[in-house]
Amino acid sequence: MQLYFVRHGQSYNNALWDRARDSTDRKEDPELTDYGRRQAQIVARFLAEHNGPPPTTGDAGVQNIDTFGLTHLYTSLMIRSMDTASAIGQALNLTPVVWEDLHETGGIFLDDKETGERIGLPGKNRSYFEENYSDFILPDHLNEEGWWNRPFEPHDERVLRALRLRETLQERHGDSQDRVAVVSHGGFYNYFLAAVLQIPILSPSSFWFSLNNIAITRIDFEEGRTRIAYNNRVDFLPPALVT
């Protein structure tokens, strides 16, 4: 299996933090900015149309010089990820499959303005997703009460979720020639990459793998080993759209 981890395009919260280094006015489930929508369209075209000459060596092939040839597309339930996956799915003629475990760390929450406590919120419900993302494959358990509807996700649960995602991906696609794209989030990327590399995360601030908006990381699951082909790839973006 070739796995392509794609971070969503720039969101309202990303732009807020870049502008003010303050998350006071953050949204619990932010939409893409104009930059983010442009990034999503560009990465979609890149994944669909990248069709250069055949690589001259095997090592050149890991850069996807000729093609990506994606066969599967998964996304989290967060709006910024859904909208990014929508652009990719349309360009590649792939139906996005929603996978709840791809959500950002913490889940759906806002900070209490008086205490600073992070309060879990319901999130969007099934009717919302069916109305706005009718071409997506939604989880059977998604109901009208909101897909999150629980407290802020602590560190230990993130670690377990990343391990679960890695194991499930390998069960579904590990021994195949599948080329799988997942559209997810920068914070969770750290937990997932740690799970892939079998690095213990003792706390949320143990280390940080940078991942720009819309960046691509390729991980090859091969017999007996895991190979990081490339990380945080944004060379397909014009410099003004790198965020």
C-alpha atoms as a PDB file:
ATOM      1  CA  MET A   1       0.000   0.000   0.000  1.00  0.00           C
ATOM      2  CA  GLN A   2       1.039   3.519  -0.775  1.00  0.00           C
ATOM      3  CA  LEU A   3      -0.518   5.950   1.710  1.00  0.00           C
ATOM      4  CA  TYR A   4      -0.838   9.657   0.971  1.00  0.00           C
ATOM      5  CA  PHE A   5      -1.601  11.799   4.008  1.00  0.00           C
ATOM      6  CA  VAL A   6      -3.028  15.122   2.786  1.00  0.00           C
ATOM      7  CA  ARG A   7      -3.655  17.958   5.197  1.00  0.00           C
ATOM      8  CA  HIS A   8      -6.745  20.082   4.520  1.00  0.00           C
ATOM      9  CA  GLY A   9      -6.486  23.541   2.983  1.00  0.00           C
ATOM     10  CA  GLN A  10      -6.155  26.660   5.107  1.00  0.00           C
ATOM     11  CA  SER A  11      -9.092  27.059   7.493  1.00  0.00           C
ATOM     12  CA  TYR A  12     -10.567  30.069   9.250  1.00  0.00           C
ATOM     13  CA  ASN A  13      -8.788  29.017  12.459  1.00  0.00           C
ATOM     14  CA  ASN A  14      -5.450  28.604  10.651  1.00  0.00           C
ATOM     15  CA  ALA A  15      -5.725  32.122   9.235  1.00  0.00           C
ATOM     16  CA  LEU A  16      -6.777  33.506  12.620  1.00  0.00           C
ATOM     17  CA  TRP A  17      -3.714  32.036  14.309  1.00  0.00           C
ATOM     18  CA  ASP A  18      -1.359  33.176  11.541  1.00  0.00           C
ATOM     19  CA  ARG A  19      -2.754  36.695  11.756  1.00  0.00           C
ATOM     20  CA  ALA A  20      -3.018  37.206  15.511  1.00  0.00           C
ATOM     21  CA  ARG A  21      -1.314  34.227  17.231  1.00  0.00           C
ATOM     22  CA  ASP A  22      -4.529  34.035  19.225  1.00  0.00           C
ATOM     23  CA  SER A  23      -7.351  31.489  19.105  1.00  0.00           C
ATOM     24  CA  THR A  24      -9.886  33.445  21.176  1.00  0.00           C
ATOM     25  CA  ASP A  25     -12.341  33.722  18.292  1.00  0.00           C
ATOM     26  CA  ARG A  26     -11.751  30.253  16.867  1.00  0.00           C
ATOM     27  CA  LYS A  27     -14.639  28.229  15.481  1.00  0.00           C
ATOM     28  CA  GLU A  28     -15.327  24.685  16.648  1.00  0.00           C
ATOM     29  CA  ASP A  29     -15.538  23.390  13.064  1.00  0.00           C
ATOM     30  CA  PRO A  30     -14.088  26.050  10.747  1.00  0.00           C
ATOM     31  CA  GLU A  31     -14.584  26.246   7.006  1.00  0.00           C
ATOM     32  CA  LEU A  32     -11.873  26.779   4.408  1.00  0.00           C
ATOM     33  CA  THR A  33     -10.712  30.302   3.624  1.00  0.00           C
ATOM     34  CA  ASP A  34     -10.464  31.568   0.063  1.00  0.00           C
ATOM     35  CA  TYR A  35      -6.796  30.526   0.213  1.00  0.00           C
ATOM     36  CA  GLY A  36      -7.839  27.105   1.453  1.00  0.00           C
ATOM     37  CA  ARG A  37     -10.313  26.593  -1.364  1.00  0.00           C
ATOM     38  CA  ARG A  38      -7.679  27.591  -3.922  1.00  0.00           C
ATOM     39  CA  GLN A  39      -5.191  25.203  -2.312  1.00  0.00           C
ATOM     40  CA  ALA A  40      -7.733  22.380  -2.465  1.00  0.00           C
ATOM     41  CA  GLN A  41      -8.362  22.943  -6.167  1.00  0.00           C
ATOM     42  CA  ILE A  42      -4.631  23.023  -6.908  1.00  0.00           C
ATOM     43  CA  VAL A  43      -3.828  19.820  -5.031  1.00  0.00           C
ATOM     44  CA  ALA A  44      -6.810  18.137  -6.685  1.00  0.00           C
ATOM     45  CA  ARG A  45      -5.497  19.024 -10.147  1.00  0.00           C
ATOM     46  CA  PHE A  46      -1.978  17.975  -9.149  1.00  0.00           C
ATOM     47  CA  LEU A  47      -3.131  14.553  -7.944  1.00  0.00           C
ATOM     48  CA  ALA A  48      -5.327  14.040 -10.991  1.00  0.00           C
ATOM     49  CA  GLU A  49      -3.219  15.458 -13.821  1.00  0.00           C
ATOM     50  CA  HIS A  50       0.366  14.885 -12.718  1.00  0.00           C
ATOM     51  CA  ASN A  51       1.497  12.775 -15.652  1.00  0.00           C
ATOM     52  CA  GLY A  52       5.157  13.264 -16.393  1.00  0.00           C
ATOM     53  CA  PRO A  53       7.563  10.909 -18.173  1.00  0.00           C
ATOM     54  CA  PRO A  54       8.187   7.471 -16.675  1.00  0.00           C
ATOM     55  CA  PRO A  55      10.859   7.587 -13.948  1.00  0.00           C
ATOM     56  CA  THR A  56      14.255   6.378 -15.118  1.00  0.00           C
ATOM     57  CA  THR A  57      15.061   4.585 -11.850  1.00  0.00           C
ATOM     58  CA  GLY A  58      13.124   3.024  -8.994  1.00  0.00           C
ATOM     59  CA  ASP A  59      14.277   5.740  -6.637  1.00  0.00           C
ATOM     60  CA  ALA A  60      12.810   8.388  -8.937  1.00  0.00           C
ATOM     61  CA  GLY A  61       9.477   6.600  -8.848  1.00  0.00           C
ATOM     62  CA  VAL A  62       8.926   7.362  -5.173  1.00  0.00           C
ATOM     63  CA  GLN A  63       8.524  11.027  -6.138  1.00  0.00           C
ATOM     64  CA  ASN A  64       5.402  10.240  -8.218  1.00  0.00           C
ATOM     65  CA  ILE A  65       7.054  11.765 -11.252  1.00  0.00           C
ATOM     66  CA  ASP A  66       4.699   9.975 -13.616  1.00  0.00           C
ATOM     67  CA  THR A  67       1.409   9.568 -11.734  1.00  0.00           C
ATOM     68  CA  PHE A  68      -0.309   9.109  -8.388  1.00  0.00           C
ATOM     69  CA  GLY A  69      -2.968   6.655  -9.499  1.00  0.00           C
ATOM     70  CA  LEU A  70      -5.024   6.960  -6.328  1.00  0.00           C
ATOM     71  CA  THR A  71      -7.545   4.171  -5.756  1.00  0.00           C
ATOM     72  CA  HIS A  72      -9.163   5.157  -2.432  1.00  0.00           C
ATOM     73  CA  LEU A  73     -10.019   8.443  -0.709  1.00  0.00           C
ATOM     74  CA  TYR A  74     -10.874   8.856   2.981  1.00  0.00           C
ATOM     75  CA  THR A  75     -11.648  12.014   4.957  1.00  0.00           C
ATOM     76  CA  SER A  76     -12.450  13.153   8.467  1.00  0.00           C
ATOM     77  CA  LEU A  77     -15.878  14.559   9.339  1.00  0.00           C
ATOM     78  CA  MET A  78     -14.556  18.068   9.913  1.00  0.00           C
ATOM     79  CA  ILE A  79     -15.759  20.619   7.370  1.00  0.00           C
ATOM     80  CA  ARG A  80     -12.313  21.819   6.261  1.00  0.00           C
ATOM     81  CA  SER A  81     -11.331  18.231   5.529  1.00  0.00           C
ATOM     82  CA  MET A  82     -14.637  17.366   3.850  1.00  0.00           C
ATOM     83  CA  ASP A  83     -14.387  20.350   1.492  1.00  0.00           C
ATOM     84  CA  THR A  84     -10.789  19.479   0.623  1.00  0.00           C
ATOM     85  CA  ALA A  85     -11.738  15.855  -0.039  1.00  0.00           C
ATOM     86  CA  SER A  86     -14.672  17.011  -2.165  1.00  0.00           C
ATOM     87  CA  ALA A  87     -12.340  18.851  -4.537  1.00  0.00           C
ATOM     88  CA  ILE A  88      -9.988  15.858  -4.739  1.00  0.00           C
ATOM     89  CA  GLY A  89     -12.806  13.376  -5.238  1.00  0.00           C
ATOM     90  CA  GLN A  90     -14.320  15.368  -8.088  1.00  0.00           C
ATOM     91  CA  ALA A  91     -10.973  15.719  -9.850  1.00  0.00           C
ATOM     92  CA  LEU A  92     -10.108  12.018  -9.514  1.00  0.00           C
ATOM     93  CA  ASN A  93     -13.633  10.635  -9.921  1.00  0.00           C
ATOM     94  CA  LEU A  94     -13.311   8.973  -6.505  1.00  0.00           C
ATOM     95  CA  THR A  95     -16.093   8.830  -3.923  1.00  0.00           C
ATOM     96  CA  PRO A  96     -14.829  10.168  -0.559  1.00  0.00           C
ATOM     97  CA  VAL A  97     -15.392   7.758   2.320  1.00  0.00           C
ATOM     98  CA  VAL A  98     -15.795   9.383   5.729  1.00  0.00           C
ATOM     99  CA  TRP A  99     -13.577   7.894   8.439  1.00  0.00           C
ATOM    100  CA  GLU A 100     -14.229   9.454  11.834  1.00  0.00           C
ATOM    101  CA  ASP A 101     -10.827   8.468  13.259  1.00  0.00           C
ATOM    102  CA  LEU A 102      -9.150  10.987  10.926  1.00  0.00           C
ATOM    103  CA  HIS A 103     -10.459  13.977  12.917  1.00  0.00           C
ATOM    104  CA  GLU A 104      -8.211  16.614  14.460  1.00  0.00           C
ATOM    105  CA  THR A 105      -6.940  16.218  18.002  1.00  0.00           C
ATOM    106  CA  GLY A 106      -9.388  17.359  20.641  1.00  0.00           C
ATOM    107  CA  GLY A 107     -12.483  16.838  18.510  1.00  0.00           C
ATOM    108  CA  ILE A 108     -15.219  19.464  18.272  1.00  0.00           C
ATOM    109  CA  PHE A 109     -14.781  21.994  21.082  1.00  0.00           C
ATOM    110  CA  LEU A 110     -14.526  25.614  22.158  1.00  0.00           C
ATOM    111  CA  ASP A 111     -12.759  27.175  25.125  1.00  0.00           C
ATOM    112  CA  ASP A 112     -14.900  28.536  27.953  1.00  0.00           C
ATOM    113  CA  LYS A 113     -14.128  32.269  27.902  1.00  0.00           C
ATOM    114  CA  GLU A 114     -14.113  32.548  31.691  1.00  0.00           C
ATOM    115  CA  THR A 115     -12.365  29.363  32.808  1.00  0.00           C
ATOM    116  CA  GLY A 116     -10.411  28.398  29.681  1.00  0.00           C
ATOM    117  CA  GLU A 117     -11.797  24.869  29.962  1.00  0.00           C
ATOM    118  CA  ARG A 118     -12.211  23.114  26.626  1.00  0.00           C
ATOM    119  CA  ILE A 119     -15.856  22.171  26.199  1.00  0.00           C
ATOM    120  CA  GLY A 120     -16.867  19.409  23.799  1.00  0.00           C
ATOM    121  CA  LEU A 121     -19.707  20.273  21.400  1.00  0.00           C
ATOM    122  CA  PRO A 122     -22.075  18.131  19.294  1.00  0.00           C
ATOM    123  CA  GLY A 123     -20.711  18.744  15.795  1.00  0.00           C
ATOM    124  CA  LYS A 124     -22.741  18.506  12.596  1.00  0.00           C
ATOM    125  CA  ASN A 125     -25.430  15.819  12.310  1.00  0.00           C
ATOM    126  CA  ARG A 126     -26.392  13.334   9.615  1.00  0.00           C
ATOM    127  CA  SER A 127     -28.960  15.625   7.983  1.00  0.00           C
ATOM    128  CA  TYR A 128     -26.334  18.332   7.534  1.00  0.00           C
ATOM    129  CA  PHE A 129     -23.892  15.967   5.856  1.00  0.00           C
ATOM    130  CA  GLU A 130     -26.536  14.366   3.642  1.00  0.00           C
ATOM    131  CA  GLU A 131     -27.669  17.807   2.468  1.00  0.00           C
ATOM    132  CA  ASN A 132     -24.204  19.245   1.852  1.00  0.00           C
ATOM    133  CA  TYR A 133     -22.142  16.160   0.968  1.00  0.00           C
ATOM    134  CA  SER A 134     -24.617  13.854  -0.729  1.00  0.00           C
ATOM    135  CA  ASP A 135     -21.902  12.136  -2.788  1.00  0.00           C
ATOM    136  CA  PHE A 136     -19.883  11.050   0.273  1.00  0.00           C
ATOM    137  CA  ILE A 137     -20.134   7.637   1.947  1.00  0.00           C
ATOM    138  CA  LEU A 138     -21.091   8.388   5.559  1.00  0.00           C
ATOM    139  CA  PRO A 139     -20.683   6.137   8.621  1.00  0.00           C
ATOM    140  CA  ASP A 140     -23.767   4.066   9.451  1.00  0.00           C
ATOM    141  CA  HIS A 141     -23.700   5.210  13.094  1.00  0.00           C
ATOM    142  CA  LEU A 142     -23.895   8.922  12.214  1.00  0.00           C
ATOM    143  CA  ASN A 143     -27.183  10.242  13.659  1.00  0.00           C
ATOM    144  CA  GLU A 144     -29.080  13.480  14.292  1.00  0.00           C
ATOM    145  CA  GLU A 145     -27.401  14.234  17.635  1.00  0.00           C
ATOM    146  CA  GLY A 146     -24.083  15.367  16.170  1.00  0.00           C
ATOM    147  CA  TRP A 147     -21.100  13.206  15.343  1.00  0.00           C
ATOM    148  CA  TRP A 148     -18.878  14.369  18.234  1.00  0.00           C
ATOM    149  CA  ASN A 149     -21.154  15.048  21.211  1.00  0.00           C
ATOM    150  CA  ARG A 150     -18.589  14.136  23.879  1.00  0.00           C
ATOM    151  CA  PRO A 151     -15.845  15.825  25.939  1.00  0.00           C
ATOM    152  CA  PHE A 152     -12.566  17.221  24.635  1.00  0.00           C
ATOM    153  CA  GLU A 153     -10.318  14.368  23.487  1.00  0.00           C
ATOM    154  CA  PRO A 154      -7.350  13.858  25.847  1.00  0.00           C
ATOM    155  CA  HIS A 155      -3.814  12.874  24.872  1.00  0.00           C
ATOM    156  CA  ASP A 156      -4.109   9.149  25.672  1.00  0.00           C
ATOM    157  CA  GLU A 157      -7.162   8.737  23.437  1.00  0.00           C
ATOM    158  CA  ARG A 158      -5.323  10.383  20.545  1.00  0.00           C
ATOM    159  CA  VAL A 159      -2.480   7.879  20.852  1.00  0.00           C
ATOM    160  CA  LEU A 160      -4.904   4.948  20.786  1.00  0.00           C
ATOM    161  CA  ARG A 161      -6.811   6.410  17.844  1.00  0.00           C
ATOM    162  CA  ALA A 162      -3.625   6.802  15.796  1.00  0.00           C
ATOM    163  CA  LEU A 163      -2.651   3.195  16.507  1.00  0.00           C
ATOM    164  CA  ARG A 164      -6.155   2.041  15.582  1.00  0.00           C
ATOM    165  CA  LEU A 165      -6.015   3.954  12.296  1.00  0.00           C
ATOM    166  CA  ARG A 166      -2.647   2.450  11.379  1.00  0.00           C
ATOM    167  CA  GLU A 167      -3.815  -1.080  12.169  1.00  0.00           C
ATOM    168  CA  THR A 168      -7.103  -0.695  10.278  1.00  0.00           C
ATOM    169  CA  LEU A 169      -5.378   0.751   7.220  1.00  0.00           C
ATOM    170  CA  GLN A 170      -3.021  -2.198   7.155  1.00  0.00           C
ATOM    171  CA  GLU A 171      -5.903  -4.641   7.550  1.00  0.00           C
ATOM    172  CA  ARG A 172      -7.800  -3.069   4.642  1.00  0.00           C
ATOM    173  CA  HIS A 173      -4.958  -2.238   2.284  1.00  0.00           C
ATOM    174  CA  GLY A 174      -1.630  -3.397   3.722  1.00  0.00           C
ATOM    175  CA  ASP A 175      -0.875  -6.322   1.383  1.00  0.00           C
ATOM    176  CA  SER A 176      -2.312  -4.706  -1.721  1.00  0.00           C
ATOM    177  CA  GLN A 177      -1.213  -2.393  -4.512  1.00  0.00           C
ATOM    178  CA  ASP A 178      -3.767   0.174  -3.354  1.00  0.00           C
ATOM    179  CA  ARG A 179      -2.869   3.856  -3.394  1.00  0.00           C
ATOM    180  CA  VAL A 180      -4.803   5.412  -0.553  1.00  0.00           C
ATOM    181  CA  ALA A 181      -5.265   9.114   0.217  1.00  0.00           C
ATOM    182  CA  VAL A 182      -6.485  10.309   3.607  1.00  0.00           C
ATOM    183  CA  VAL A 183      -7.473  13.939   4.141  1.00  0.00           C
ATOM    184  CA  SER A 184      -6.836  14.840   7.751  1.00  0.00           C
ATOM    185  CA  HIS A 185      -5.218  17.377  10.090  1.00  0.00           C
ATOM    186  CA  GLY A 186      -1.869  18.746  11.207  1.00  0.00           C
ATOM    187  CA  GLY A 187      -2.119  17.927  14.895  1.00  0.00           C
ATOM    188  CA  PHE A 188      -3.307  14.372  14.337  1.00  0.00           C
ATOM    189  CA  TYR A 189      -0.573  13.891  11.731  1.00  0.00           C
ATOM    190  CA  ASN A 190       1.954  13.934  14.572  1.00  0.00           C
ATOM    191  CA  TYR A 191       0.161  11.174  16.429  1.00  0.00           C
ATOM    192  CA  PHE A 192      -0.313   9.094  13.297  1.00  0.00           C
ATOM    193  CA  LEU A 193       3.285   9.442  12.114  1.00  0.00           C
ATOM    194  CA  ALA A 194       4.480   8.512  15.608  1.00  0.00           C
ATOM    195  CA  ALA A 195       2.267   5.413  15.451  1.00  0.00           C
ATOM    196  CA  VAL A 196       3.685   4.479  12.032  1.00  0.00           C
ATOM    197  CA  LEU A 197       7.292   4.979  13.190  1.00  0.00           C
ATOM    198  CA  GLN A 198       6.605   3.397  16.596  1.00  0.00           C
ATOM    199  CA  ILE A 199       7.765   6.507  18.463  1.00  0.00           C
ATOM    200  CA  PRO A 200       6.216   6.982  21.916  1.00  0.00           C
ATOM    201  CA  ILE A 201       4.465  10.315  22.491  1.00  0.00           C
ATOM    202  CA  LEU A 202       4.731  11.120  26.180  1.00  0.00           C
ATOM    203  CA  SER A 203       2.832  14.395  25.901  1.00  0.00           C
ATOM    204  CA  PRO A 204       1.283  16.579  23.152  1.00  0.00           C
ATOM    205  CA  SER A 205       4.454  18.694  23.116  1.00  0.00           C
ATOM    206  CA  SER A 206       6.984  15.827  22.930  1.00  0.00           C
ATOM    207  CA  PHE A 207       7.915  16.696  19.334  1.00  0.00           C
ATOM    208  CA  TRP A 208       6.372  18.195  16.215  1.00  0.00           C
ATOM    209  CA  PHE A 209       6.374  17.100  12.569  1.00  0.00           C
ATOM    210  CA  SER A 210       5.518  20.191  10.537  1.00  0.00           C
ATOM    211  CA  LEU A 211       2.795  19.835   7.930  1.00  0.00           C
ATOM    212  CA  ASN A 212       1.693  22.814   5.860  1.00  0.00           C
ATOM    213  CA  ASN A 213      -1.865  23.273   4.666  1.00  0.00           C
ATOM    214  CA  ILE A 214      -2.611  20.924   1.732  1.00  0.00           C
ATOM    215  CA  ALA A 215       0.838  19.295   2.041  1.00  0.00           C
ATOM    216  CA  ILE A 216       1.260  15.652   1.027  1.00  0.00           C
ATOM    217  CA  THR A 217       3.221  12.971   2.867  1.00  0.00           C
ATOM    218  CA  ARG A 218       3.747   9.586   1.200  1.00  0.00           C
ATOM    219  CA  ILE A 219       4.264   6.462   3.316  1.00  0.00           C
ATOM    220  CA  ASP A 220       4.848   3.074   1.679  1.00  0.00           C
ATOM    221  CA  PHE A 221       3.881   0.002   3.654  1.00  0.00           C
ATOM    222  CA  GLU A 222       6.059  -2.735   2.187  1.00  0.00           C
ATOM    223  CA  GLU A 223       6.705  -6.307   3.218  1.00  0.00           C
ATOM    224  CA  GLY A 224       8.853  -6.160   6.338  1.00  0.00           C
ATOM    225  CA  ARG A 225       9.363  -2.382   6.384  1.00  0.00           C
ATOM    226  CA  THR A 226       7.764   1.054   6.246  1.00  0.00           C
ATOM    227  CA  ARG A 227       9.256   3.735   4.010  1.00  0.00           C
ATOM    228  CA  ILE A 228       8.693   7.486   4.248  1.00  0.00           C
ATOM    229  CA  ALA A 229       8.999   8.466   0.590  1.00  0.00           C
ATOM    230  CA  TYR A 230       8.533  12.181   1.263  1.00  0.00           C
ATOM    231  CA  ASN A 231       7.110  14.467   3.931  1.00  0.00           C
ATOM    232  CA  ASN A 232       5.310  17.841   3.864  1.00  0.00           C
ATOM    233  CA  ARG A 233       5.434  18.188   0.068  1.00  0.00           C
ATOM    234  CA  VAL A 234       4.113  21.536  -1.227  1.00  0.00           C
ATOM    235  CA  ASP A 235       6.205  22.037  -4.366  1.00  0.00           C
ATOM    236  CA  PHE A 236       3.014  22.023  -6.477  1.00  0.00           C
ATOM    237  CA  LEU A 237       1.801  25.262  -4.840  1.00  0.00           C
ATOM    238  CA  PRO A 238       2.744  28.780  -5.953  1.00  0.00           C
ATOM    239  CA  PRO A 239       4.806  30.405  -3.165  1.00  0.00           C
ATOM    240  CA  ALA A 240       2.041  32.889  -2.323  1.00  0.00           C
ATOM    241  CA  LEU A 241      -0.293  30.008  -1.404  1.00  0.00           C
ATOM    242  CA  VAL A 242       2.046  28.192   0.969  1.00  0.00           C
ATOM    243  CA  THR A 243       0.514  28.521   4.450  1.00  0.00           C
END
